[in-house]
C-alpha atoms as a PDB file:
ATOM      1  CA  MET A   1     113.130 132.270 141.933  1.00  0.00           C
ATOM      2  CA  ARG A   2     110.287 133.623 142.716  1.00  0.00           C
ATOM      3  CA  ARG A   3     112.045 137.247 141.652  1.00  0.00           C
ATOM      4  CA  GLN A   4     112.675 135.846 138.529  1.00  0.00           C
ATOM      5  CA  THR A   5     112.179 138.450 135.542  1.00  0.00           C
ATOM      6  CA  LEU A   6     111.253 135.622 133.260  1.00  0.00           C
ATOM      7  CA  ALA A   7     107.494 135.577 132.670  1.00  0.00           C
ATOM      8  CA  LYS A   8     106.647 132.329 134.917  1.00  0.00           C
ATOM      9  CA  GLN A   9     104.826 130.787 131.665  1.00  0.00           C
ATOM     10  CA  HIS A  10     108.016 129.800 129.484  1.00  0.00           C
ATOM     11  CA  TRP A  11     109.263 127.972 132.344  1.00  0.00           C
ATOM     12  CA  GLU A  12     109.580 124.876 135.017  1.00  0.00           C
ATOM     13  CA  LEU A  13     110.135 124.751 138.562  1.00  0.00           C
ATOM     14  CA  LEU A  14     111.089 120.797 139.487  1.00  0.00           C
ATOM     15  CA  LEU A  15     112.399 120.746 143.670  1.00  0.00           C
ATOM     16  CA  VAL A  16     114.177 117.816 143.473  1.00  0.00           C
ATOM     17  CA  ASP A  17     113.702 115.932 147.507  1.00  0.00           C
ATOM     18  CA  ASN A  18     116.202 113.625 147.460  1.00  0.00           C
ATOM     19  CA  ALA A  19     116.107 112.016 149.888  1.00  0.00           C
ATOM     20  CA  SER A  20     115.061 113.826 152.895  1.00  0.00           C
ATOM     21  CA  ARG A  21     114.255 113.022 156.436  1.00  0.00           C
ATOM     22  CA  GLN A  22     110.952 115.290 156.675  1.00  0.00           C
ATOM     23  CA  PRO A  23     109.311 115.731 153.137  1.00  0.00           C
ATOM     24  CA  LEU A  24     109.670 118.562 151.501  1.00  0.00           C
ATOM     25  CA  ALA A  25     106.386 118.755 149.435  1.00  0.00           C
ATOM     26  CA  GLN A  26     104.938 119.242 152.743  1.00  0.00           C
ATOM     27  CA  LEU A  27     106.954 121.806 154.171  1.00  0.00           C
ATOM     28  CA  TRP A  28     107.378 123.990 150.855  1.00  0.00           C
ATOM     29  CA  ASP A  29     103.919 125.506 148.657  1.00  0.00           C
ATOM     30  CA  LEU A  30     104.839 125.954 144.840  1.00  0.00           C
ATOM     31  CA  SER A  31     101.868 126.698 144.057  1.00  0.00           C
ATOM     32  CA  TRP A  32     102.433 130.631 143.773  1.00  0.00           C
ATOM     33  CA  HIS A  33     104.400 128.816 140.775  1.00  0.00           C
ATOM     34  CA  PRO A  34     102.015 127.216 137.424  1.00  0.00           C
ATOM     35  CA  LEU A  35     104.500 124.316 136.011  1.00  0.00           C
ATOM     36  CA  ALA A  36     105.326 123.499 139.886  1.00  0.00           C
ATOM     37  CA  ARG A  37     106.369 119.996 141.443  1.00  0.00           C
ATOM     38  CA  HIS A  38     107.725 117.833 143.567  1.00  0.00           C
ATOM     39  CA  VAL A  39     109.746 115.545 142.528  1.00  0.00           C
ATOM     40  CA  LEU A  40     111.088 112.300 144.797  1.00  0.00           C
ATOM     41  CA  GLU A  41     114.994 110.895 144.254  1.00  0.00           C
ATOM     42  CA  PRO A  42     115.287 108.376 146.878  1.00  0.00           C
ATOM     43  CA  GLU A  43     118.823 107.326 145.769  1.00  0.00           C
ATOM     44  CA  LEU A  44     121.022 109.683 147.729  1.00  0.00           C
ATOM     45  CA  GLY A  45     123.311 112.296 145.993  1.00  0.00           C
ATOM     46  CA  LEU A  46     124.149 115.010 144.251  1.00  0.00           C
ATOM     47  CA  SER A  47     124.193 113.996 140.904  1.00  0.00           C
ATOM     48  CA  SER A  48     120.354 111.191 141.532  1.00  0.00           C
ATOM     49  CA  ALA A  49     119.010 113.738 142.063  1.00  0.00           C
ATOM     50  CA  ARG A  50     119.755 115.645 139.079  1.00  0.00           C
ATOM     51  CA  ARG A  51     119.135 112.749 136.708  1.00  0.00           C
ATOM     52  CA  ARG A  52     115.661 112.523 137.693  1.00  0.00           C
ATOM     53  CA  GLY A  53     116.013 116.744 137.383  1.00  0.00           C
ATOM     54  CA  MET A  54     116.371 115.500 134.068  1.00  0.00           C
ATOM     55  CA  ARG A  55     114.648 112.698 133.635  1.00  0.00           C
ATOM     56  CA  GLU A  56     110.903 114.930 134.527  1.00  0.00           C
ATOM     57  CA  ALA A  57     111.871 118.315 132.520  1.00  0.00           C
ATOM     58  CA  SER A  58     109.942 118.991 129.565  1.00  0.00           C
ATOM     59  CA  ALA A  59     112.028 121.862 128.217  1.00  0.00           C
ATOM     60  CA  GLU A  60     115.349 121.576 125.943  1.00  0.00           C
ATOM     61  CA  VAL A  61     117.156 124.460 128.511  1.00  0.00           C
ATOM     62  CA  LEU A  62     117.594 122.923 132.120  1.00  0.00           C
ATOM     63  CA  VAL A  63     118.819 125.209 134.806  1.00  0.00           C
ATOM     64  CA  PHE A  64     120.798 123.344 137.935  1.00  0.00           C
ATOM     65  CA  VAL A  65     119.897 125.380 141.608  1.00  0.00           C
ATOM     66  CA  ASP A  66     121.080 124.173 144.289  1.00  0.00           C
ATOM     67  CA  ASP A  67     119.986 124.845 148.150  1.00  0.00           C
ATOM     68  CA  ASP A  68     122.146 127.617 149.166  1.00  0.00           C
ATOM     69  CA  ASN A  69     122.231 129.315 145.759  1.00  0.00           C
ATOM     70  CA  VAL A  70     120.635 132.812 145.007  1.00  0.00           C
ATOM     71  CA  LEU A  71     119.767 133.360 141.186  1.00  0.00           C
ATOM     72  CA  ALA A  72     120.423 137.596 140.687  1.00  0.00           C
ATOM     73  CA  PRO A  73     116.508 137.958 139.271  1.00  0.00           C
ATOM     74  CA  ASP A  74     117.930 137.955 135.706  1.00  0.00           C
ATOM     75  CA  TYR A  75     119.550 135.055 135.781  1.00  0.00           C
ATOM     76  CA  LEU A  76     117.175 132.274 133.922  1.00  0.00           C
ATOM     77  CA  ALA A  77     115.906 135.407 131.141  1.00  0.00           C
ATOM     78  CA  GLU A  78     120.129 136.376 131.286  1.00  0.00           C
ATOM     79  CA  GLY A  79     120.600 132.467 130.564  1.00  0.00           C
ATOM     80  CA  LEU A  80     118.160 131.575 127.917  1.00  0.00           C
ATOM     81  CA  ARG A  81     119.595 134.973 126.226  1.00  0.00           C
ATOM     82  CA  VAL A  82     122.785 133.592 126.495  1.00  0.00           C
ATOM     83  CA  GLY A  83     121.839 130.093 124.768  1.00  0.00           C
ATOM     84  CA  ARG A  84     120.425 131.808 121.915  1.00  0.00           C
ATOM     85  CA  GLU A  85     123.486 133.624 121.420  1.00  0.00           C
ATOM     86  CA  TRP A  86     126.119 130.603 121.843  1.00  0.00           C
ATOM     87  CA  PRO A  87     124.343 127.784 120.372  1.00  0.00           C
ATOM     88  CA  ARG A  88     127.153 126.028 119.800  1.00  0.00           C
ATOM     89  CA  LEU A  89     127.647 126.167 123.464  1.00  0.00           C
ATOM     90  CA  GLY A  90     126.191 123.201 125.514  1.00  0.00           C
ATOM     91  CA  THR A  91     126.487 124.050 129.312  1.00  0.00           C
ATOM     92  CA  TRP A  92     127.214 127.530 130.129  1.00  0.00           C
ATOM     93  CA  GLY A  93     126.951 128.979 133.711  1.00  0.00           C
ATOM     94  CA  SER A  94     127.891 131.407 135.793  1.00  0.00           C
ATOM     95  CA  GLY A  95     131.180 133.994 135.575  1.00  0.00           C
ATOM     96  CA  ALA A  96     130.470 135.763 139.056  1.00  0.00           C
ATOM     97  CA  ILE A  97     129.503 133.822 142.646  1.00  0.00           C
ATOM     98  CA  ALA A  98     129.920 135.741 145.216  1.00  0.00           C
ATOM     99  CA  PRO A  99     129.352 134.941 148.428  1.00  0.00           C
ATOM    100  CA  GLU A 100     127.752 135.142 151.972  1.00  0.00           C
ATOM    101  CA  PHE A 101     128.785 134.357 154.895  1.00  0.00           C
ATOM    102  CA  GLU A 102     127.008 133.746 157.492  1.00  0.00           C
ATOM    103  CA  LEU A 103     131.161 134.303 159.808  1.00  0.00           C
ATOM    104  CA  ALA A 104     133.530 135.848 158.122  1.00  0.00           C
ATOM    105  CA  PRO A 105     136.727 133.193 157.479  1.00  0.00           C
ATOM    106  CA  ALA A 106     139.386 133.762 159.181  1.00  0.00           C
ATOM    107  CA  GLU A 107     142.926 135.717 157.379  1.00  0.00           C
ATOM    108  CA  ARG A 108     144.449 132.506 157.083  1.00  0.00           C
ATOM    109  CA  LEU A 109     142.064 130.255 155.529  1.00  0.00           C
ATOM    110  CA  LYS A 110     141.263 133.446 153.129  1.00  0.00           C
ATOM    111  CA  SER A 111     143.619 131.553 150.877  1.00  0.00           C
ATOM    112  CA  LEU A 112     141.093 127.900 150.360  1.00  0.00           C
ATOM    113  CA  LEU A 113     137.561 129.727 150.257  1.00  0.00           C
ATOM    114  CA  TYR A 114     137.878 128.845 145.588  1.00  0.00           C
ATOM    115  CA  LEU A 115     136.717 125.621 147.226  1.00  0.00           C
ATOM    116  CA  LEU A 116     133.567 126.909 147.254  1.00  0.00           C
ATOM    117  CA  ALA A 117     132.629 127.522 143.923  1.00  0.00           C
ATOM    118  CA  LEU A 118     133.215 130.897 144.433  1.00  0.00           C
ATOM    119  CA  ARG A 119     134.786 133.241 141.032  1.00  0.00           C
ATOM    120  CA  GLU A 120     134.728 135.937 139.601  1.00  0.00           C
ATOM    121  CA  VAL A 121     136.158 137.198 135.905  1.00  0.00           C
ATOM    122  CA  PRO A 122     135.639 140.276 133.683  1.00  0.00           C
ATOM    123  CA  GLU A 123     134.199 139.095 130.707  1.00  0.00           C
ATOM    124  CA  ALA A 124     133.184 135.679 129.171  1.00  0.00           C
ATOM    125  CA  ARG A 125     135.302 133.115 129.002  1.00  0.00           C
ATOM    126  CA  TRP A 126     134.079 130.040 126.875  1.00  0.00           C
ATOM    127  CA  THR A 127     135.505 126.589 124.605  1.00  0.00           C
ATOM    128  CA  ASN A 128     135.093 123.535 122.812  1.00  0.00           C
ATOM    129  CA  VAL A 129     138.107 121.877 124.046  1.00  0.00           C
ATOM    130  CA  PHE A 130     137.704 121.185 128.031  1.00  0.00           C
ATOM    131  CA  GLN A 131     139.509 123.928 130.248  1.00  0.00           C
ATOM    132  CA  ILE A 132     138.807 124.166 133.955  1.00  0.00           C
ATOM    133  CA  GLU A 133     139.152 128.065 133.690  1.00  0.00           C
ATOM    134  CA  ALA A 134     135.338 128.750 131.033  1.00  0.00           C
ATOM    135  CA  CYS A 135     133.690 125.318 133.019  1.00  0.00           C
ATOM    136  CA  PRO A 136     130.698 126.348 134.830  1.00  0.00           C
ATOM    137  CA  TRP A 137     130.422 125.185 138.045  1.00  0.00           C
ATOM    138  CA  GLY A 138     127.112 123.707 140.000  1.00  0.00           C
ATOM    139  CA  ALA A 139     125.334 127.281 140.704  1.00  0.00           C
ATOM    140  CA  GLY A 140     123.320 127.496 138.729  1.00  0.00           C
ATOM    141  CA  ILE A 141     124.380 125.962 135.054  1.00  0.00           C
ATOM    142  CA  PHE A 142     122.545 125.401 132.148  1.00  0.00           C
ATOM    143  CA  LEU A 143     122.905 122.744 129.768  1.00  0.00           C
ATOM    144  CA  ARG A 144     120.511 121.628 126.355  1.00  0.00           C
ATOM    145  CA  ARG A 145     118.789 119.334 126.183  1.00  0.00           C
ATOM    146  CA  GLY A 146     120.796 116.874 124.306  1.00  0.00           C
ATOM    147  CA  VAL A 147     123.832 117.612 126.813  1.00  0.00           C
ATOM    148  CA  ALA A 148     121.161 115.477 129.514  1.00  0.00           C
ATOM    149  CA  ASP A 149     120.742 112.740 127.699  1.00  0.00           C
ATOM    150  CA  ALA A 150     124.475 111.685 127.134  1.00  0.00           C
ATOM    151  CA  TYR A 151     124.992 112.747 130.365  1.00  0.00           C
ATOM    152  CA  ARG A 152     122.152 109.890 131.122  1.00  0.00           C
ATOM    153  CA  ASP A 153     123.445 107.459 128.095  1.00  0.00           C
ATOM    154  CA  LEU A 154     127.291 107.679 130.351  1.00  0.00           C
ATOM    155  CA  SER A 155     125.407 107.007 133.903  1.00  0.00           C
ATOM    156  CA  ARG A 156     123.713 103.424 133.452  1.00  0.00           C
ATOM    157  CA  ASP A 157     126.628 101.162 132.142  1.00  0.00           C
ATOM    158  CA  ASP A 158     128.759 103.958 133.898  1.00  0.00           C
ATOM    159  CA  LYS A 159     131.989 101.900 135.530  1.00  0.00           C
ATOM    160  CA  LEU A 160     133.711 104.758 136.787  1.00  0.00           C
ATOM    161  CA  PRO A 161     130.941 107.074 139.214  1.00  0.00           C
ATOM    162  CA  ILE A 162     131.572 110.574 140.081  1.00  0.00           C
ATOM    163  CA  SER A 163     128.952 109.885 142.509  1.00  0.00           C
ATOM    164  CA  ASP A 164     128.784 114.400 143.449  1.00  0.00           C
ATOM    165  CA  ARG A 165     127.602 114.930 146.975  1.00  0.00           C
ATOM    166  CA  ARG A 166     126.354 112.233 148.918  1.00  0.00           C
ATOM    167  CA  GLY A 167     125.224 112.558 152.548  1.00  0.00           C
ATOM    168  CA  ALA A 168     128.804 113.370 154.432  1.00  0.00           C
ATOM    169  CA  SER A 169     130.790 112.483 151.598  1.00  0.00           C
ATOM    170  CA  LEU A 170     132.330 116.047 150.291  1.00  0.00           C
ATOM    171  CA  MET A 171     132.706 114.522 147.299  1.00  0.00           C
ATOM    172  CA  SER A 172     132.641 116.934 143.767  1.00  0.00           C
ATOM    173  CA  GLY A 173     132.903 117.248 139.981  1.00  0.00           C
ATOM    174  CA  GLY A 174     129.405 116.288 138.851  1.00  0.00           C
ATOM    175  CA  ASP A 175     128.894 119.078 137.739  1.00  0.00           C
ATOM    176  CA  VAL A 176     132.582 119.327 136.190  1.00  0.00           C
ATOM    177  CA  GLU A 177     131.276 116.144 133.836  1.00  0.00           C
ATOM    178  CA  LEU A 178     128.268 117.416 132.968  1.00  0.00           C
ATOM    179  CA  SER A 179     130.774 119.859 130.709  1.00  0.00           C
ATOM    180  CA  TYR A 180     133.291 116.499 129.847  1.00  0.00           C
ATOM    181  CA  VAL A 181     129.898 115.587 128.205  1.00  0.00           C
ATOM    182  CA  ALA A 182     129.423 118.403 125.981  1.00  0.00           C
ATOM    183  CA  CYS A 183     132.928 118.589 124.862  1.00  0.00           C
ATOM    184  CA  GLY A 184     132.732 114.580 123.669  1.00  0.00           C
ATOM    185  CA  THR A 185     128.994 115.672 121.773  1.00  0.00           C
ATOM    186  CA  GLY A 186     130.405 118.195 119.631  1.00  0.00           C
ATOM    187  CA  LEU A 187     129.626 121.348 122.213  1.00  0.00           C
ATOM    188  CA  GLY A 188     131.028 124.036 123.801  1.00  0.00           C
ATOM    189  CA  ILE A 189     131.273 125.075 127.471  1.00  0.00           C
ATOM    190  CA  GLY A 190     131.467 128.459 129.109  1.00  0.00           C
ATOM    191  CA  ILE A 191     130.080 130.810 131.807  1.00  0.00           C
ATOM    192  CA  PHE A 192     129.740 134.372 131.823  1.00  0.00           C
ATOM    193  CA  PRO A 193     129.773 137.402 133.762  1.00  0.00           C
ATOM    194  CA  GLN A 194     126.062 138.441 133.703  1.00  0.00           C
ATOM    195  CA  LEU A 195     124.956 135.259 135.113  1.00  0.00           C
ATOM    196  CA  LYS A 196     124.760 136.372 138.358  1.00  0.00           C
ATOM    197  CA  VAL A 197     125.039 133.971 141.866  1.00  0.00           C
ATOM    198  CA  THR A 198     124.915 134.682 145.400  1.00  0.00           C
ATOM    199  CA  HIS A 199     126.165 131.387 147.377  1.00  0.00           C
ATOM    200  CA  LEU A 200     125.471 131.540 151.030  1.00  0.00           C
ATOM    201  CA  ILE A 201     128.143 129.655 153.110  1.00  0.00           C
ATOM    202  CA  PRO A 202     127.444 128.789 157.173  1.00  0.00           C
ATOM    203  CA  GLY A 203     129.525 129.169 159.392  1.00  0.00           C
ATOM    204  CA  GLU A 204     130.844 125.569 159.833  1.00  0.00           C
ATOM    205  CA  ARG A 205     131.807 126.007 155.928  1.00  0.00           C
ATOM    206  CA  VAL A 206     134.843 127.933 156.907  1.00  0.00           C
ATOM    207  CA  SER A 207     136.509 126.479 159.581  1.00  0.00           C
ATOM    208  CA  ASP A 208     139.770 124.302 158.919  1.00  0.00           C
ATOM    209  CA  ALA A 209     137.786 121.066 159.111  1.00  0.00           C
ATOM    210  CA  TYR A 210     135.332 121.164 157.093  1.00  0.00           C
ATOM    211  CA  LEU A 211     137.842 123.610 154.248  1.00  0.00           C
ATOM    212  CA  LEU A 212     140.790 120.548 154.255  1.00  0.00           C
ATOM    213  CA  ARG A 213     138.154 117.928 153.545  1.00  0.00           C
ATOM    214  CA  LEU A 214     136.388 120.099 150.989  1.00  0.00           C
ATOM    215  CA  HIS A 215     139.946 120.125 149.614  1.00  0.00           C
ATOM    216  CA  GLU A 216     140.357 116.749 149.688  1.00  0.00           C
ATOM    217  CA  GLY A 217     137.310 115.781 148.211  1.00  0.00           C
ATOM    218  CA  ILE A 218     137.996 117.754 145.359  1.00  0.00           C
ATOM    219  CA  GLY A 219     141.006 115.939 145.043  1.00  0.00           C
ATOM    220  CA  ILE A 220     139.915 112.771 145.195  1.00  0.00           C
ATOM    221  CA  SER A 221     137.422 113.463 142.044  1.00  0.00           C
ATOM    222  CA  THR A 222     139.145 115.504 140.314  1.00  0.00           C
ATOM    223  CA  ARG A 223     142.410 112.743 139.506  1.00  0.00           C
ATOM    224  CA  LEU A 224     138.794 110.394 138.889  1.00  0.00           C
ATOM    225  CA  LEU A 225     137.502 112.182 136.243  1.00  0.00           C
ATOM    226  CA  SER A 226     141.387 113.016 134.475  1.00  0.00           C
ATOM    227  CA  TYR A 227     142.029 108.954 134.457  1.00  0.00           C
ATOM    228  CA  LYS A 228     138.736 108.843 133.150  1.00  0.00           C
ATOM    229  CA  TRP A 229     138.429 111.336 130.858  1.00  0.00           C
ATOM    230  CA  LYS A 230     141.730 111.833 129.732  1.00  0.00           C
ATOM    231  CA  ASN A 231     143.782 108.718 130.684  1.00  0.00           C
ATOM    232  CA  ILE A 232     145.930 110.534 133.588  1.00  0.00           C
ATOM    233  CA  ARG A 233     146.800 108.211 136.638  1.00  0.00           C
ATOM    234  CA  PRO A 234     147.371 109.764 139.485  1.00  0.00           C
ATOM    235  CA  GLY A 235     151.553 109.870 140.488  1.00  0.00           C
ATOM    236  CA  ARG A 236     153.434 107.141 142.577  1.00  0.00           C
ATOM    237  CA  ARG A 237     156.195 108.291 143.422  1.00  0.00           C
ATOM    238  CA  SER A 238     159.091 105.844 144.965  1.00  0.00           C
ATOM    239  CA  MET A 239     159.564 104.974 148.838  1.00  0.00           C
ATOM    240  CA  VAL A 240     162.182 107.710 149.282  1.00  0.00           C
ATOM    241  CA  GLY A 241     161.027 110.308 147.039  1.00  0.00           C
ATOM    242  CA  ARG A 242     157.151 110.282 149.231  1.00  0.00           C
ATOM    243  CA  ASN A 243     160.079 110.232 152.440  1.00  0.00           C
ATOM    244  CA  LEU A 244     162.221 112.578 150.729  1.00  0.00           C
ATOM    245  CA  SER A 245     158.557 115.035 149.985  1.00  0.00           C
ATOM    246  CA  MET A 246     157.507 114.515 153.486  1.00  0.00           C
ATOM    247  CA  ILE A 247     160.651 115.142 155.041  1.00  0.00           C
ATOM    248  CA  LYS A 248     160.697 118.721 152.808  1.00  0.00           C
ATOM    249  CA  ASN A 249     157.351 119.748 153.525  1.00  0.00           C
ATOM    250  CA  LEU A 250     157.978 119.330 157.464  1.00  0.00           C
ATOM    251  CA  LEU A 251     160.802 121.382 157.628  1.00  0.00           C
ATOM    252  CA  LEU A 252     159.623 123.916 155.675  1.00  0.00           C
ATOM    253  CA  ALA A 253     155.387 124.137 155.522  1.00  0.00           C
ATOM    254  CA  ARG A 254     153.823 125.737 158.336  1.00  0.00           C
ATOM    255  CA  ASN A 255     150.329 125.536 159.646  1.00  0.00           C
ATOM    256  CA  ILE A 256     147.343 124.522 156.595  1.00  0.00           C
ATOM    257  CA  GLU A 257     150.670 124.457 153.910  1.00  0.00           C
ATOM    258  CA  ARG A 258     151.306 121.438 155.441  1.00  0.00           C
ATOM    259  CA  LYS A 259     147.830 120.202 156.330  1.00  0.00           C
ATOM    260  CA  LEU A 260     146.922 120.291 152.181  1.00  0.00           C
ATOM    261  CA  TYR A 261     150.795 118.692 151.700  1.00  0.00           C
ATOM    262  CA  PHE A 262     148.287 115.731 153.411  1.00  0.00           C
ATOM    263  CA  SER A 263     145.583 115.887 152.233  1.00  0.00           C
ATOM    264  CA  ASN A 264     146.666 116.216 148.801  1.00  0.00           C
ATOM    265  CA  ALA A 265     148.580 112.080 149.321  1.00  0.00           C
ATOM    266  CA  ARG A 266     145.721 111.456 151.120  1.00  0.00           C
ATOM    267  CA  ALA A 267     143.363 112.518 148.262  1.00  0.00           C
ATOM    268  CA  ASP A 268     146.284 110.925 145.598  1.00  0.00           C
ATOM    269  CA  ARG A 269     146.776 107.358 147.455  1.00  0.00           C
ATOM    270  CA  ALA A 270     142.605 107.073 147.296  1.00  0.00           C
ATOM    271  CA  ALA A 271     141.923 107.161 143.914  1.00  0.00           C
ATOM    272  CA  ARG A 272     144.658 104.958 142.928  1.00  0.00           C
ATOM    273  CA  GLY A 273     143.372 102.725 145.213  1.00  0.00           C
ATOM    274  CA  MET A 274     139.895 103.110 143.401  1.00  0.00           C
ATOM    275  CA  ILE A 275     140.859 102.856 140.112  1.00  0.00           C
ATOM    276  CA  GLU A 276     143.461  99.973 141.029  1.00  0.00           C
ATOM    277  CA  GLU A 277     140.335  98.473 142.210  1.00  0.00           C
ATOM    278  CA  LEU A 278     138.113  99.439 139.017  1.00  0.00           C
ATOM    279  CA  ALA A 279     140.515  97.338 136.848  1.00  0.00           C
ATOM    280  CA  ARG A 280     140.394  94.465 138.968  1.00  0.00           C
ATOM    281  CA  MET A 281     137.019  94.188 138.621  1.00  0.00           C
ATOM    282  CA  ASP A 282     138.178  94.813 135.897  1.00  0.00           C
ATOM    283  CA  GLY A 283     139.640  91.747 134.786  1.00  0.00           C
ATOM    284  CA  ALA A 284     137.579  89.623 136.993  1.00  0.00           C
ATOM    285  CA  GLY A 285     135.141  90.446 135.049  1.00  0.00           C
ATOM    286  CA  HIS A 286     137.013  89.661 131.310  1.00  0.00           C
ATOM    287  CA  GLY A 287     138.207  86.367 133.518  1.00  0.00           C
ATOM    288  CA  ASP A 288     134.642  85.285 133.807  1.00  0.00           C
END
């Protein structure tokens, strides 16, 4: 952030300490920035941290940067330029998120690396009807104040909150929900290749175990978002259908493909259980 070309008097820096074991204010000196301060959010979770940032920020355009993101030096300047040139966008972000691996991933896992929020598009993608292909990921996502306010309003009475990363959980989707909110307010979403981010990926994130856990967490979150915003329930197949599918997978699928099959099955079951529990609680509430 210190290398950003945008003059520091034109942006503020909030470092959100999300329930760290050792307070970040003791570790990170922000005196190099004239409009910087530490903010404490005791409720654990990425979504909680983002909502705290929304509440504390004074700007009309916000940008979120995770602790494993390195923005290109012109990122803030380019992002604001995009916002001026595309005034109907509610959220926008990087179309060029490149990895910097601590350890090179094994060949068998390369088909799963997209799970780490990597992407590269040759030209801008945008829409005002939600499409995942144009949805900015959380790494360097810009949003307008109106979208932030609408998201916070939604969160106050949300019966199905999308919790995003929380402790050891690998649930996700909080960044995607910001774009659902943007489209819901009549604005658009987009990604732009000139907005470049390097994603720092430690060695443990390119293991079979981590990527499969991540795949399952994303699967659950995607199903919850589809239900919440599109009223699409996770499919429920008959016992015969499930058994036939399992036998086919056991006979034909190999190695990582077989593990992905069972990861998808667990994600279906978990999301369906959460939705059914919500319906039971809602019914009990109406009964009272």
